[in-house]
Full PDB file with SEQRES, HELIX, SHEET, SSBOND, CRYST1, ORIGX, SCALE, CONECT and MASTER records, all heavy atoms in Angstrom:
SEQRES   1 A   36  TYR ALA ALA GLY TRP TYR ARG GLN ALA PRO GLY LYS GLN          
SEQRES   2 A   36  ARG GLU LEU VAL ALA ARG VAL ALA SER GLY GLY SER THR          
SEQRES   3 A   36  ASN TYR ALA ASP VAL VAL LYS GLY ARG PHE                      
HELIX    1 AA1 ASP A   30  VAL A   32  5                                   3    
SHEET    1 AA1 3 ALA A   2  ARG A   7  0                                        
SHEET    2 AA1 3 GLU A  15  ALA A  21 -1                                        
SHEET    3 AA1 3 THR A  26  TYR A  28 -1                                        
CRYST1    1.000    1.000    1.000  90.00  90.00  90.00 P 1           1          
ORIGX1      1.000000  0.000000  0.000000        0.00000                         
ORIGX2      0.000000  1.000000  0.000000        0.00000                         
ORIGX3      0.000000  0.000000  1.000000        0.00000                         
SCALE1      1.000000  0.000000  0.000000        0.00000                         
SCALE2      0.000000  1.000000  0.000000        0.00000                         
SCALE3      0.000000  0.000000  1.000000        0.00000                         
ATOM      1  N   TYR A   1       7.914  -9.790  -9.450  1.00  0.00           N  
ATOM      2  CA  TYR A   1       7.172 -10.987  -9.827  1.00  0.00           C  
ATOM      3  C   TYR A   1       7.271 -12.105  -8.795  1.00  0.00           C  
ATOM      4  O   TYR A   1       6.574 -13.110  -8.908  1.00  0.00           O  
ATOM      5  CB  TYR A   1       7.584 -11.504 -11.205  1.00  0.00           C  
ATOM      6  CG  TYR A   1       9.012 -11.987 -11.327  1.00  0.00           C  
ATOM      7  CD1 TYR A   1       9.355 -13.291 -10.991  1.00  0.00           C  
ATOM      8  CD2 TYR A   1      10.003 -11.143 -11.810  1.00  0.00           C  
ATOM      9  CE1 TYR A   1      10.662 -13.736 -11.118  1.00  0.00           C  
ATOM     10  CE2 TYR A   1      11.306 -11.579 -11.940  1.00  0.00           C  
ATOM     11  CZ  TYR A   1      11.629 -12.876 -11.597  1.00  0.00           C  
ATOM     12  OH  TYR A   1      12.923 -13.331 -11.725  1.00  0.00           O  
ATOM     13  N   ALA A   2       8.132 -11.934  -7.793  1.00  0.00           N  
ATOM     14  CA  ALA A   2       8.233 -12.921  -6.731  1.00  0.00           C  
ATOM     15  C   ALA A   2       8.951 -12.299  -5.544  1.00  0.00           C  
ATOM     16  O   ALA A   2       9.713 -11.344  -5.694  1.00  0.00           O  
ATOM     17  CB  ALA A   2       8.972 -14.182  -7.194  1.00  0.00           C  
ATOM     18  N   ALA A   3       8.717 -12.856  -4.367  1.00  0.00           N  
ATOM     19  CA  ALA A   3       9.419 -12.431  -3.164  1.00  0.00           C  
ATOM     20  C   ALA A   3       9.581 -13.629  -2.245  1.00  0.00           C  
ATOM     21  O   ALA A   3       8.830 -14.609  -2.341  1.00  0.00           O  
ATOM     22  CB  ALA A   3       8.670 -11.308  -2.448  1.00  0.00           C  
ATOM     23  N   GLY A   4      10.559 -13.543  -1.361  1.00  0.00           N  
ATOM     24  CA  GLY A   4      10.794 -14.663  -0.472  1.00  0.00           C  
ATOM     25  C   GLY A   4      11.534 -14.267   0.778  1.00  0.00           C  
ATOM     26  O   GLY A   4      11.939 -13.119   0.951  1.00  0.00           O  
ATOM     27  N   TRP A   5      11.673 -15.258   1.641  1.00  0.00           N  
ATOM     28  CA  TRP A   5      12.414 -15.104   2.888  1.00  0.00           C  
ATOM     29  C   TRP A   5      13.570 -16.089   2.919  1.00  0.00           C  
ATOM     30  O   TRP A   5      13.402 -17.272   2.598  1.00  0.00           O  
ATOM     31  CB  TRP A   5      11.511 -15.353   4.099  1.00  0.00           C  
ATOM     32  CG  TRP A   5      10.491 -14.284   4.329  1.00  0.00           C  
ATOM     33  CD1 TRP A   5       9.227 -14.220   3.842  1.00  0.00           C  
ATOM     34  CD2 TRP A   5      10.669 -13.105   5.128  1.00  0.00           C  
ATOM     35  NE1 TRP A   5       8.595 -13.087   4.279  1.00  0.00           N  
ATOM     36  CE2 TRP A   5       9.459 -12.381   5.070  1.00  0.00           C  
ATOM     37  CE3 TRP A   5      11.727 -12.598   5.880  1.00  0.00           C  
ATOM     38  CZ2 TRP A   5       9.275 -11.173   5.742  1.00  0.00           C  
ATOM     39  CZ3 TRP A   5      11.549 -11.394   6.541  1.00  0.00           C  
ATOM     40  CH2 TRP A   5      10.343 -10.697   6.472  1.00  0.00           C  
ATOM     41  N   TYR A   6      14.726 -15.597   3.292  1.00  0.00           N  
ATOM     42  CA  TYR A   6      15.910 -16.399   3.538  1.00  0.00           C  
ATOM     43  C   TYR A   6      16.295 -16.262   5.003  1.00  0.00           C  
ATOM     44  O   TYR A   6      15.856 -15.335   5.688  1.00  0.00           O  
ATOM     45  CB  TYR A   6      17.083 -15.932   2.680  1.00  0.00           C  
ATOM     46  CG  TYR A   6      16.995 -16.275   1.208  1.00  0.00           C  
ATOM     47  CD1 TYR A   6      16.100 -15.623   0.374  1.00  0.00           C  
ATOM     48  CD2 TYR A   6      17.848 -17.229   0.653  1.00  0.00           C  
ATOM     49  CE1 TYR A   6      16.034 -15.918  -0.971  1.00  0.00           C  
ATOM     50  CE2 TYR A   6      17.794 -17.526  -0.699  1.00  0.00           C  
ATOM     51  CZ  TYR A   6      16.886 -16.869  -1.506  1.00  0.00           C  
ATOM     52  OH  TYR A   6      16.836 -17.167  -2.857  1.00  0.00           O  
ATOM     53  N   ARG A   7      17.137 -17.171   5.467  1.00  0.00           N  
ATOM     54  CA  ARG A   7      17.663 -17.034   6.818  1.00  0.00           C  
ATOM     55  C   ARG A   7      19.100 -17.529   6.861  1.00  0.00           C  
ATOM     56  O   ARG A   7      19.514 -18.357   6.054  1.00  0.00           O  
ATOM     57  CB  ARG A   7      16.820 -17.796   7.838  1.00  0.00           C  
ATOM     58  CG  ARG A   7      16.901 -19.309   7.733  1.00  0.00           C  
ATOM     59  CD  ARG A   7      15.931 -19.954   8.717  1.00  0.00           C  
ATOM     60  NE  ARG A   7      16.029 -21.405   8.709  1.00  0.00           N  
ATOM     61  CZ  ARG A   7      15.222 -22.219   9.370  1.00  0.00           C  
ATOM     62  NH1 ARG A   7      14.236 -21.715  10.116  1.00  0.00           N  
ATOM     63  NH2 ARG A   7      15.393 -23.534   9.301  1.00  0.00           N  
ATOM     64  N   GLN A   8      19.846 -17.002   7.810  1.00  0.00           N  
ATOM     65  CA  GLN A   8      21.218 -17.425   8.022  1.00  0.00           C  
ATOM     66  C   GLN A   8      21.456 -17.588   9.518  1.00  0.00           C  
ATOM     67  O   GLN A   8      21.377 -16.619  10.277  1.00  0.00           O  
ATOM     68  CB  GLN A   8      22.210 -16.425   7.431  1.00  0.00           C  
ATOM     69  CG  GLN A   8      23.650 -16.909   7.473  1.00  0.00           C  
ATOM     70  CD  GLN A   8      24.554 -16.111   6.555  1.00  0.00           C  
ATOM     71  OE1 GLN A   8      24.262 -14.971   6.213  1.00  0.00           O  
ATOM     72  NE2 GLN A   8      25.648 -16.717   6.146  1.00  0.00           N  
ATOM     73  N   ALA A   9      21.729 -18.811   9.922  1.00  0.00           N  
ATOM     74  CA  ALA A   9      22.015 -19.133  11.313  1.00  0.00           C  
ATOM     75  C   ALA A   9      23.513 -19.101  11.540  1.00  0.00           C  
ATOM     76  O   ALA A   9      24.302 -19.236  10.597  1.00  0.00           O  
ATOM     77  CB  ALA A   9      21.454 -20.507  11.659  1.00  0.00           C  
ATOM     78  N   PRO A  10      23.948 -18.950  12.788  1.00  0.00           N  
ATOM     79  CA  PRO A  10      25.382 -18.938  13.076  1.00  0.00           C  
ATOM     80  C   PRO A  10      26.071 -20.191  12.559  1.00  0.00           C  
ATOM     81  O   PRO A  10      25.612 -21.307  12.803  1.00  0.00           O  
ATOM     82  CB  PRO A  10      25.427 -18.872  14.603  1.00  0.00           C  
ATOM     83  CG  PRO A  10      24.142 -18.213  14.985  1.00  0.00           C  
ATOM     84  CD  PRO A  10      23.141 -18.720  14.002  1.00  0.00           C  
ATOM     85  N   GLY A  11      27.159 -20.000  11.825  1.00  0.00           N  
ATOM     86  CA  GLY A  11      27.926 -21.114  11.310  1.00  0.00           C  
ATOM     87  C   GLY A  11      27.316 -21.826  10.123  1.00  0.00           C  
ATOM     88  O   GLY A  11      27.833 -22.869   9.712  1.00  0.00           O  
ATOM     89  N   LYS A  12      26.233 -21.300   9.555  1.00  0.00           N  
ATOM     90  CA  LYS A  12      25.567 -21.950   8.439  1.00  0.00           C  
ATOM     91  C   LYS A  12      25.436 -20.995   7.253  1.00  0.00           C  
ATOM     92  O   LYS A  12      25.541 -19.781   7.398  1.00  0.00           O  
ATOM     93  CB  LYS A  12      24.181 -22.446   8.849  1.00  0.00           C  
ATOM     94  CG  LYS A  12      24.187 -23.472   9.962  1.00  0.00           C  
ATOM     95  CD  LYS A  12      22.792 -23.985  10.260  1.00  0.00           C  
ATOM     96  CE  LYS A  12      22.230 -24.792   9.105  1.00  0.00           C  
ATOM     97  NZ  LYS A  12      20.884 -25.347   9.429  1.00  0.00           N  
ATOM     98  N   GLN A  13      25.210 -21.572   6.083  1.00  0.00           N  
ATOM     99  CA  GLN A  13      25.000 -20.788   4.875  1.00  0.00           C  
ATOM    100  C   GLN A  13      23.591 -20.206   4.856  1.00  0.00           C  
ATOM    101  O   GLN A  13      22.671 -20.749   5.472  1.00  0.00           O  
ATOM    102  CB  GLN A  13      25.221 -21.656   3.639  1.00  0.00           C  
ATOM    103  CG  GLN A  13      26.576 -22.333   3.571  1.00  0.00           C  
ATOM    104  CD  GLN A  13      27.288 -22.075   2.268  1.00  0.00           C  
ATOM    105  OE1 GLN A  13      26.769 -21.386   1.385  1.00  0.00           O  
ATOM    106  NE2 GLN A  13      28.484 -22.615   2.128  1.00  0.00           N  
ATOM    107  N   ARG A  14      23.429 -19.109   4.142  1.00  0.00           N  
ATOM    108  CA  ARG A  14      22.105 -18.537   3.970  1.00  0.00           C  
ATOM    109  C   ARG A  14      21.253 -19.492   3.141  1.00  0.00           C  
ATOM    110  O   ARG A  14      21.704 -20.012   2.117  1.00  0.00           O  
ATOM    111  CB  ARG A  14      22.193 -17.174   3.295  1.00  0.00           C  
ATOM    112  CG  ARG A  14      20.873 -16.425   3.244  1.00  0.00           C  
ATOM    113  CD  ARG A  14      21.034 -15.006   2.717  1.00  0.00           C  
ATOM    114  NE  ARG A  14      21.901 -14.201   3.566  1.00  0.00           N  
ATOM    115  CZ  ARG A  14      22.076 -12.896   3.417  1.00  0.00           C  
ATOM    116  NH1 ARG A  14      21.428 -12.238   2.459  1.00  0.00           N  
ATOM    117  NH2 ARG A  14      22.892 -12.240   4.229  1.00  0.00           N  
ATOM    118  N   GLU A  15      20.016 -19.717   3.570  1.00  0.00           N  
ATOM    119  CA  GLU A  15      19.149 -20.671   2.908  1.00  0.00           C  
ATOM    120  C   GLU A  15      17.784 -20.068   2.631  1.00  0.00           C  
ATOM    121  O   GLU A  15      17.290 -19.231   3.387  1.00  0.00           O  
ATOM    122  CB  GLU A  15      18.984 -21.939   3.760  1.00  0.00           C  
ATOM    123  CG  GLU A  15      18.318 -21.700   5.102  1.00  0.00           C  
ATOM    124  CD  GLU A  15      18.124 -22.965   5.913  1.00  0.00           C  
ATOM    125  OE1 GLU A  15      18.344 -24.066   5.374  1.00  0.00           O  
ATOM    126  OE2 GLU A  15      17.751 -22.858   7.103  1.00  0.00           O  
ATOM    127  N   LEU A  16      17.182 -20.525   1.548  1.00  0.00           N  
ATOM    128  CA  LEU A  16      15.832 -20.107   1.205  1.00  0.00           C  
ATOM    129  C   LEU A  16      14.844 -20.788   2.136  1.00  0.00           C  
ATOM    130  O   LEU A  16      14.856 -22.009   2.286  1.00  0.00           O  
ATOM    131  CB  LEU A  16      15.519 -20.453  -0.249  1.00  0.00           C  
ATOM    132  CG  LEU A  16      14.101 -20.133  -0.730  1.00  0.00           C  
ATOM    133  CD1 LEU A  16      13.863 -18.628  -0.721  1.00  0.00           C  
ATOM    134  CD2 LEU A  16      13.868 -20.701  -2.121  1.00  0.00           C  
ATOM    135  N   VAL A  17      13.965 -19.999   2.732  1.00  0.00           N  
ATOM    136  CA  VAL A  17      12.952 -20.510   3.641  1.00  0.00           C  
ATOM    137  C   VAL A  17      11.607 -20.658   2.937  1.00  0.00           C  
ATOM    138  O   VAL A  17      10.942 -21.695   3.046  1.00  0.00           O  
ATOM    139  CB  VAL A  17      12.804 -19.594   4.871  1.00  0.00           C  
ATOM    140  CG1 VAL A  17      11.652 -20.055   5.766  1.00  0.00           C  
ATOM    141  CG2 VAL A  17      14.109 -19.557   5.657  1.00  0.00           C  
ATOM    142  N   ALA A  18      11.187 -19.617   2.231  1.00  0.00           N  
ATOM    143  CA  ALA A  18       9.892 -19.617   1.575  1.00  0.00           C  
ATOM    144  C   ALA A  18       9.896 -18.610   0.442  1.00  0.00           C  
ATOM    145  O   ALA A  18      10.625 -17.630   0.480  1.00  0.00           O  
ATOM    146  CB  ALA A  18       8.775 -19.284   2.570  1.00  0.00           C  
ATOM    147  N   ARG A  19       9.047 -18.858  -0.557  1.00  0.00           N  
ATOM    148  CA  ARG A  19       8.955 -17.986  -1.717  1.00  0.00           C  
ATOM    149  C   ARG A  19       7.520 -17.931  -2.185  1.00  0.00           C  
ATOM    150  O   ARG A  19       6.812 -18.936  -2.156  1.00  0.00           O  
ATOM    151  CB  ARG A  19       9.864 -18.500  -2.837  1.00  0.00           C  
ATOM    152  CG  ARG A  19       9.988 -17.603  -4.065  1.00  0.00           C  
ATOM    153  CD  ARG A  19      10.973 -18.225  -5.050  1.00  0.00           C  
ATOM    154  NE  ARG A  19      11.293 -17.361  -6.171  1.00  0.00           N  
ATOM    155  CZ  ARG A  19      10.653 -17.376  -7.339  1.00  0.00           C  
ATOM    156  NH1 ARG A  19       9.634 -18.213  -7.533  1.00  0.00           N  
ATOM    157  NH2 ARG A  19      11.030 -16.553  -8.313  1.00  0.00           N  
ATOM    158  N   VAL A  20       7.074 -16.758  -2.621  1.00  0.00           N  
ATOM    159  CA  VAL A  20       5.747 -16.591  -3.196  1.00  0.00           C  
ATOM    160  C   VAL A  20       5.893 -15.843  -4.507  1.00  0.00           C  
ATOM    161  O   VAL A  20       6.666 -14.886  -4.617  1.00  0.00           O  
ATOM    162  CB  VAL A  20       4.782 -15.864  -2.230  1.00  0.00           C  
ATOM    163  CG1 VAL A  20       5.294 -14.476  -1.880  1.00  0.00           C  
ATOM    164  CG2 VAL A  20       3.382 -15.799  -2.822  1.00  0.00           C  
ATOM    165  N   ALA A  21       5.170 -16.279  -5.538  1.00  0.00           N  
ATOM    166  CA  ALA A  21       5.258 -15.701  -6.863  1.00  0.00           C  
ATOM    167  C   ALA A  21       3.919 -15.118  -7.297  1.00  0.00           C  
ATOM    168  O   ALA A  21       2.884 -15.365  -6.668  1.00  0.00           O  
ATOM    169  CB  ALA A  21       5.708 -16.757  -7.874  1.00  0.00           C  
ATOM    170  N   SER A  22       3.958 -14.341  -8.371  1.00  0.00           N  
ATOM    171  CA  SER A  22       2.726 -13.849  -8.965  1.00  0.00           C  
ATOM    172  C   SER A  22       1.832 -15.029  -9.311  1.00  0.00           C  
ATOM    173  O   SER A  22       2.290 -16.048  -9.819  1.00  0.00           O  
ATOM    174  CB  SER A  22       3.029 -13.042 -10.226  1.00  0.00           C  
ATOM    175  OG  SER A  22       3.811 -11.908  -9.932  1.00  0.00           O  
ATOM    176  N   GLY A  23       0.565 -14.892  -9.019  1.00  0.00           N  
ATOM    177  CA  GLY A  23      -0.355 -15.993  -9.193  1.00  0.00           C  
ATOM    178  C   GLY A  23      -0.611 -16.760  -7.914  1.00  0.00           C  
ATOM    179  O   GLY A  23      -1.540 -17.569  -7.857  1.00  0.00           O  
ATOM    180  N   GLY A  24       0.218 -16.531  -6.899  1.00  0.00           N  
ATOM    181  CA  GLY A  24      -0.020 -17.106  -5.592  1.00  0.00           C  
ATOM    182  C   GLY A  24       0.704 -18.395  -5.269  1.00  0.00           C  
ATOM    183  O   GLY A  24       0.555 -18.920  -4.161  1.00  0.00           O  
ATOM    184  N   SER A  25       1.480 -18.932  -6.197  1.00  0.00           N  
ATOM    185  CA  SER A  25       2.195 -20.170  -5.913  1.00  0.00           C  
ATOM    186  C   SER A  25       3.251 -19.940  -4.838  1.00  0.00           C  
ATOM    187  O   SER A  25       3.868 -18.872  -4.776  1.00  0.00           O  
ATOM    188  CB  SER A  25       2.832 -20.738  -7.173  1.00  0.00           C  
ATOM    189  OG  SER A  25       3.807 -19.850  -7.687  1.00  0.00           O  
ATOM    190  N   THR A  26       3.476 -20.938  -3.996  1.00  0.00           N  
ATOM    191  CA  THR A  26       4.434 -20.839  -2.904  1.00  0.00           C  
ATOM    192  C   THR A  26       5.340 -22.060  -2.873  1.00  0.00           C  
ATOM    193  O   THR A  26       4.979 -23.139  -3.347  1.00  0.00           O  
ATOM    194  CB  THR A  26       3.733 -20.704  -1.543  1.00  0.00           C  
ATOM    195  OG1 THR A  26       2.857 -21.826  -1.347  1.00  0.00           O  
ATOM    196  CG2 THR A  26       2.928 -19.424  -1.477  1.00  0.00           C  
ATOM    197  N   ASN A  27       6.522 -21.874  -2.305  1.00  0.00           N  
ATOM    198  CA  ASN A  27       7.473 -22.952  -2.091  1.00  0.00           C  
ATOM    199  C   ASN A  27       8.100 -22.773  -0.720  1.00  0.00           C  
ATOM    200  O   ASN A  27       8.318 -21.650  -0.272  1.00  0.00           O  
ATOM    201  CB  ASN A  27       8.562 -22.957  -3.165  1.00  0.00           C  
ATOM    202  CG  ASN A  27       8.022 -23.191  -4.558  1.00  0.00           C  
ATOM    203  OD1 ASN A  27       7.816 -22.246  -5.318  1.00  0.00           O  
ATOM    204  ND2 ASN A  27       7.781 -24.449  -4.889  1.00  0.00           N  
ATOM    205  N   TYR A  28       8.419 -23.902  -0.068  1.00  0.00           N  
ATOM    206  CA  TYR A  28       8.985 -23.885   1.270  1.00  0.00           C  
ATOM    207  C   TYR A  28      10.136 -24.861   1.377  1.00  0.00           C  
ATOM    208  O   TYR A  28      10.133 -25.920   0.743  1.00  0.00           O  
ATOM    209  CB  TYR A  28       7.943 -24.264   2.317  1.00  0.00           C  
ATOM    210  CG  TYR A  28       6.770 -23.325   2.404  1.00  0.00           C  
ATOM    211  CD1 TYR A  28       5.619 -23.548   1.656  1.00  0.00           C  
ATOM    212  CD2 TYR A  28       6.819 -22.211   3.237  1.00  0.00           C  
ATOM    213  CE1 TYR A  28       4.542 -22.683   1.739  1.00  0.00           C  
ATOM    214  CE2 TYR A  28       5.743 -21.346   3.318  1.00  0.00           C  
ATOM    215  CZ  TYR A  28       4.608 -21.585   2.568  1.00  0.00           C  
ATOM    216  OH  TYR A  28       3.540 -20.727   2.648  1.00  0.00           O  
ATOM    217  N   ALA A  29      11.108 -24.503   2.195  1.00  0.00           N  
ATOM    218  CA  ALA A  29      12.127 -25.467   2.566  1.00  0.00           C  
ATOM    219  C   ALA A  29      11.475 -26.596   3.354  1.00  0.00           C  
ATOM    220  O   ALA A  29      10.544 -26.369   4.130  1.00  0.00           O  
ATOM    221  CB  ALA A  29      13.211 -24.801   3.404  1.00  0.00           C  
ATOM    222  N   ASP A  30      11.954 -27.814   3.155  1.00  0.00           N  
ATOM    223  CA  ASP A  30      11.356 -28.967   3.820  1.00  0.00           C  
ATOM    224  C   ASP A  30      11.304 -28.802   5.336  1.00  0.00           C  
ATOM    225  O   ASP A  30      10.336 -29.221   5.978  1.00  0.00           O  
ATOM    226  CB  ASP A  30      12.127 -30.239   3.473  1.00  0.00           C  
ATOM    227  CG  ASP A  30      11.893 -30.696   2.045  1.00  0.00           C  
ATOM    228  OD1 ASP A  30      10.899 -30.271   1.429  1.00  0.00           O  
ATOM    229  OD2 ASP A  30      12.719 -31.492   1.547  1.00  0.00           O  
ATOM    230  N   VAL A  31      12.297 -28.184   5.915  1.00  0.00           N  
ATOM    231  CA  VAL A  31      12.404 -28.101   7.356  1.00  0.00           C  
ATOM    232  C   VAL A  31      11.340 -27.185   7.972  1.00  0.00           C  
ATOM    233  O   VAL A  31      11.076 -27.275   9.175  1.00  0.00           O  
ATOM    234  CB  VAL A  31      13.824 -27.640   7.765  1.00  0.00           C  
ATOM    235  CG1 VAL A  31      14.044 -26.176   7.419  1.00  0.00           C  
ATOM    236  CG2 VAL A  31      14.080 -27.900   9.233  1.00  0.00           C  
ATOM    237  N   VAL A  32      10.701 -26.332   7.158  1.00  0.00           N  
ATOM    238  CA  VAL A  32       9.683 -25.430   7.703  1.00  0.00           C  
ATOM    239  C   VAL A  32       8.285 -25.741   7.190  1.00  0.00           C  
ATOM    240  O   VAL A  32       7.323 -25.096   7.629  1.00  0.00           O  
ATOM    241  CB  VAL A  32      10.012 -23.950   7.409  1.00  0.00           C  
ATOM    242  CG1 VAL A  32      11.417 -23.609   7.876  1.00  0.00           C  
ATOM    243  CG2 VAL A  32       9.832 -23.624   5.932  1.00  0.00           C  
ATOM    244  N   LYS A  33       8.145 -26.704   6.314  1.00  0.00           N  
ATOM    245  CA  LYS A  33       6.827 -27.043   5.769  1.00  0.00           C  
ATOM    246  C   LYS A  33       5.862 -27.428   6.886  1.00  0.00           C  
ATOM    247  O   LYS A  33       6.196 -28.193   7.777  1.00  0.00           O  
ATOM    248  CB  LYS A  33       6.937 -28.189   4.762  1.00  0.00           C  
ATOM    249  CG  LYS A  33       7.508 -27.783   3.420  1.00  0.00           C  
ATOM    250  CD  LYS A  33       7.589 -28.970   2.473  1.00  0.00           C  
ATOM    251  CE  LYS A  33       8.161 -28.556   1.135  1.00  0.00           C  
ATOM    252  NZ  LYS A  33       8.328 -29.721   0.225  1.00  0.00           N  
ATOM    253  N   GLY A  34       4.670 -26.880   6.803  1.00  0.00           N  
ATOM    254  CA  GLY A  34       3.659 -27.146   7.813  1.00  0.00           C  
ATOM    255  C   GLY A  34       3.726 -26.228   9.006  1.00  0.00           C  
ATOM    256  O   GLY A  34       2.785 -26.198   9.809  1.00  0.00           O  
ATOM    257  N   ARG A  35       4.810 -25.497   9.158  1.00  0.00           N  
ATOM    258  CA  ARG A  35       4.975 -24.587  10.288  1.00  0.00           C  
ATOM    259  C   ARG A  35       4.981 -23.121   9.867  1.00  0.00           C  
ATOM    260  O   ARG A  35       4.484 -22.268  10.603  1.00  0.00           O  
ATOM    261  CB  ARG A  35       6.270 -24.894  11.044  1.00  0.00           C  
ATOM    262  CG  ARG A  35       6.332 -26.298  11.621  1.00  0.00           C  
ATOM    263  CD  ARG A  35       7.532 -26.462  12.549  1.00  0.00           C  
ATOM    264  NE  ARG A  35       8.797 -26.290  11.841  1.00  0.00           N  
ATOM    265  CZ  ARG A  35       9.706 -25.362  12.148  1.00  0.00           C  
ATOM    266  NH1 ARG A  35       9.498 -24.528  13.154  1.00  0.00           N  
ATOM    267  NH2 ARG A  35      10.837 -25.293  11.461  1.00  0.00           N  
ATOM    268  N   PHE A  36       5.569 -22.822   8.706  1.00  0.00           N  
ATOM    269  CA  PHE A  36       5.690 -21.441   8.225  1.00  0.00           C  
ATOM    270  C   PHE A  36       4.742 -21.214   7.053  1.00  0.00           C  
ATOM    271  O   PHE A  36       4.491 -22.120   6.250  1.00  0.00           O  
ATOM    272  CB  PHE A  36       7.116 -21.149   7.752  1.00  0.00           C  
ATOM    273  CG  PHE A  36       8.156 -21.086   8.842  1.00  0.00           C  
ATOM    274  CD1 PHE A  36       7.884 -21.483  10.141  1.00  0.00           C  
ATOM    275  CD2 PHE A  36       9.435 -20.625   8.547  1.00  0.00           C  
ATOM    276  CE1 PHE A  36       8.846 -21.434  11.135  1.00  0.00           C  
ATOM    277  CE2 PHE A  36      10.409 -20.567   9.527  1.00  0.00           C  
ATOM    278  CZ  PHE A  36      10.115 -20.974  10.822  1.00  0.00           C  
TER     279      PHE A  36                                                      
MASTER        0    0    0    1    3    0    0    6  278    1    0    3          
END                                                                             
């Protein structure tokens, strides 16, 4: 019912980057909005 992308940089915690759900709704981390 949903899928997303996470990322983990050296020395940092894993963070949610983007998510898409059934119906087409999406969410993005503020740092990637407008770029991803």
